[in-house]
C-alpha atoms as a PDB file:
ATOM      1  CA  MET A   1       9.175 -15.706 -10.986  1.00  0.00           C
ATOM      2  CA  LYS A   2      12.360 -15.647  -8.888  1.00  0.00           C
ATOM      3  CA  PHE A   3      12.298 -11.853  -8.969  1.00  0.00           C
ATOM      4  CA  PHE A   4       8.836 -11.747  -7.406  1.00  0.00           C
ATOM      5  CA  LEU A   5       9.828 -14.278  -4.764  1.00  0.00           C
ATOM      6  CA  VAL A   6      12.893 -12.208  -3.838  1.00  0.00           C
ATOM      7  CA  LEU A   7      10.779  -9.042  -3.837  1.00  0.00           C
ATOM      8  CA  LEU A   8       8.200 -10.662  -1.567  1.00  0.00           C
ATOM      9  CA  VAL A   9      10.914 -11.788   0.865  1.00  0.00           C
ATOM     10  CA  CYS A  10      12.404  -8.276   0.912  1.00  0.00           C
ATOM     11  CA  ILE A  11       9.010  -6.735   1.618  1.00  0.00           C
ATOM     12  CA  ALA A  12       8.357  -9.239   4.405  1.00  0.00           C
ATOM     13  CA  ILE A  13      11.722  -8.441   6.007  1.00  0.00           C
ATOM     14  CA  CYS A  14      11.100  -4.699   5.773  1.00  0.00           C
ATOM     15  CA  GLU A  15       7.648  -5.073   7.303  1.00  0.00           C
ATOM     16  CA  ALA A  16       9.131  -7.053  10.181  1.00  0.00           C
ATOM     17  CA  VAL A  17      11.995  -4.595  10.767  1.00  0.00           C
ATOM     18  CA  ILE A  18      10.109  -1.293  10.530  1.00  0.00           C
ATOM     19  CA  PRO A  19       8.242  -0.783  13.803  1.00  0.00           C
ATOM     20  CA  PRO A  20       4.569   0.252  13.743  1.00  0.00           C
ATOM     21  CA  GLY A  21       4.036   3.987  13.781  1.00  0.00           C
ATOM     22  CA  VAL A  22       7.065   4.793  11.639  1.00  0.00           C
ATOM     23  CA  SER A  23       5.990   7.314   9.062  1.00  0.00           C
ATOM     24  CA  HIS A  24       6.913   7.003   5.419  1.00  0.00           C
ATOM     25  CA  SER A  25       7.479   9.860   2.998  1.00  0.00           C
ATOM     26  CA  ASN A  26       4.582  10.743   0.715  1.00  0.00           C
ATOM     27  CA  GLU A  27       6.659   9.742  -2.310  1.00  0.00           C
ATOM     28  CA  GLU A  28       7.431   6.320  -0.845  1.00  0.00           C
ATOM     29  CA  ARG A  29       3.843   5.801   0.259  1.00  0.00           C
ATOM     30  CA  CYS A  30       2.279   6.908  -3.040  1.00  0.00           C
ATOM     31  CA  ASN A  31       4.669   4.923  -5.250  1.00  0.00           C
ATOM     32  CA  THR A  32       4.427   1.599  -3.399  1.00  0.00           C
ATOM     33  CA  ALA A  33       2.586  -1.030  -5.422  1.00  0.00           C
ATOM     34  CA  ILE A  34      -0.296  -2.893  -3.794  1.00  0.00           C
ATOM     35  CA  ASP A  35       0.700  -6.467  -2.958  1.00  0.00           C
ATOM     36  CA  ASN A  36      -2.381  -8.676  -2.618  1.00  0.00           C
ATOM     37  CA  ASN A  37      -0.370 -11.730  -1.560  1.00  0.00           C
ATOM     38  CA  GLY A  38      -0.365 -10.967   2.172  1.00  0.00           C
ATOM     39  CA  GLU A  39      -2.402 -12.654   4.890  1.00  0.00           C
ATOM     40  CA  LYS A  40      -6.139 -12.437   4.172  1.00  0.00           C
ATOM     41  CA  CYS A  41      -8.803 -11.574   6.751  1.00  0.00           C
ATOM     42  CA  ALA A  42     -12.576 -11.839   6.685  1.00  0.00           C
ATOM     43  CA  LYS A  43     -13.211  -8.096   7.003  1.00  0.00           C
ATOM     44  CA  GLU A  44     -12.729  -6.052   3.849  1.00  0.00           C
ATOM     45  CA  TYR A  45     -10.670  -2.853   4.022  1.00  0.00           C
ATOM     46  CA  LYS A  46     -12.104  -0.067   1.879  1.00  0.00           C
ATOM     47  CA  GLY A  47     -10.210   3.081   1.104  1.00  0.00           C
ATOM     48  CA  PHE A  48      -8.247   4.709  -1.696  1.00  0.00           C
ATOM     49  CA  THR A  49      -4.919   4.043  -3.384  1.00  0.00           C
ATOM     50  CA  PHE A  50      -2.775   6.085  -5.759  1.00  0.00           C
ATOM     51  CA  ASN A  51      -2.365   4.677  -9.265  1.00  0.00           C
ATOM     52  CA  THR A  52       1.017   5.959 -10.481  1.00  0.00           C
ATOM     53  CA  GLU A  53       0.366   5.049 -14.122  1.00  0.00           C
ATOM     54  CA  ALA A  54      -2.908   6.985 -14.273  1.00  0.00           C
ATOM     55  CA  ASN A  55      -1.664   9.679 -11.826  1.00  0.00           C
ATOM     56  CA  LYS A  56      -4.912   9.531  -9.870  1.00  0.00           C
ATOM     57  CA  CYS A  57      -6.433   8.143  -6.697  1.00  0.00           C
ATOM     58  CA  GLU A  58      -8.759   5.170  -7.054  1.00  0.00           C
ATOM     59  CA  GLN A  59     -11.027   3.167  -4.781  1.00  0.00           C
ATOM     60  CA  LEU A  60      -9.401   0.212  -3.052  1.00  0.00           C
ATOM     61  CA  ALA A  61     -11.121  -2.822  -1.570  1.00  0.00           C
ATOM     62  CA  THR A  62      -8.928  -5.582  -0.186  1.00  0.00           C
ATOM     63  CA  LYS A  63      -9.165  -8.337   2.392  1.00  0.00           C
ATOM     64  CA  LEU A  64      -5.551  -8.005   3.505  1.00  0.00           C
ATOM     65  CA  CYS A  65      -5.258  -8.087   7.299  1.00  0.00           C
ATOM     66  CA  ARG A  66      -3.170  -4.898   7.290  1.00  0.00           C
ATOM     67  CA  PRO A  67      -3.986  -2.027   4.936  1.00  0.00           C
ATOM     68  CA  PRO A  68      -1.241  -1.627   2.303  1.00  0.00           C
ATOM     69  CA  LEU A  69       1.243   1.249   2.624  1.00  0.00           C
ATOM     70  CA  ASN A  70      -0.308   2.871  -0.464  1.00  0.00           C
ATOM     71  CA  SER A  71      -3.757   3.220   1.114  1.00  0.00           C
ATOM     72  CA  PHE A  72      -5.650   6.234   2.376  1.00  0.00           C
ATOM     73  CA  ASP A  73      -8.926   6.586   4.283  1.00  0.00           C
ATOM     74  CA  THR A  74     -10.234   9.415   2.094  1.00  0.00           C
ATOM     75  CA  ILE A  75      -9.777  10.433  -1.518  1.00  0.00           C
ATOM     76  CA  ASP A  76      -8.892  13.960  -0.345  1.00  0.00           C
ATOM     77  CA  ASP A  77      -5.978  12.647   1.742  1.00  0.00           C
ATOM     78  CA  CYS A  78      -4.792  10.546  -1.202  1.00  0.00           C
ATOM     79  CA  ASN A  79      -4.983  13.520  -3.583  1.00  0.00           C
ATOM     80  CA  LYS A  80      -3.199  15.877  -1.149  1.00  0.00           C
ATOM     81  CA  ARG A  81      -0.310  13.490  -0.612  1.00  0.00           C
ATOM     82  CA  CYS A  82       0.122  12.006  -4.083  1.00  0.00           C
ATOM     83  CA  LYS A  83      -1.352  14.080  -6.906  1.00  0.00           C
ATOM     84  CA  LYS A  84       1.265  15.968  -8.934  1.00  0.00           C
END
């Protein structure tokens, strides 16, 4: 439990420090786990995410206010960036 709390704090700090528009490498973007504990919004974000265990892109629907780092608008973009 403490590990997840520390991880959440680290993620929050990184999100606050990295300015918007900073690009991330494909490897970093594809391997980042989805964290559903962020601020929720009424509008649902629909897109695609890369599942590292299955090595494939999957549909994503979340009500997070900001789309997660591991999210893509199209399955083609997800496959191009992440599929090995």
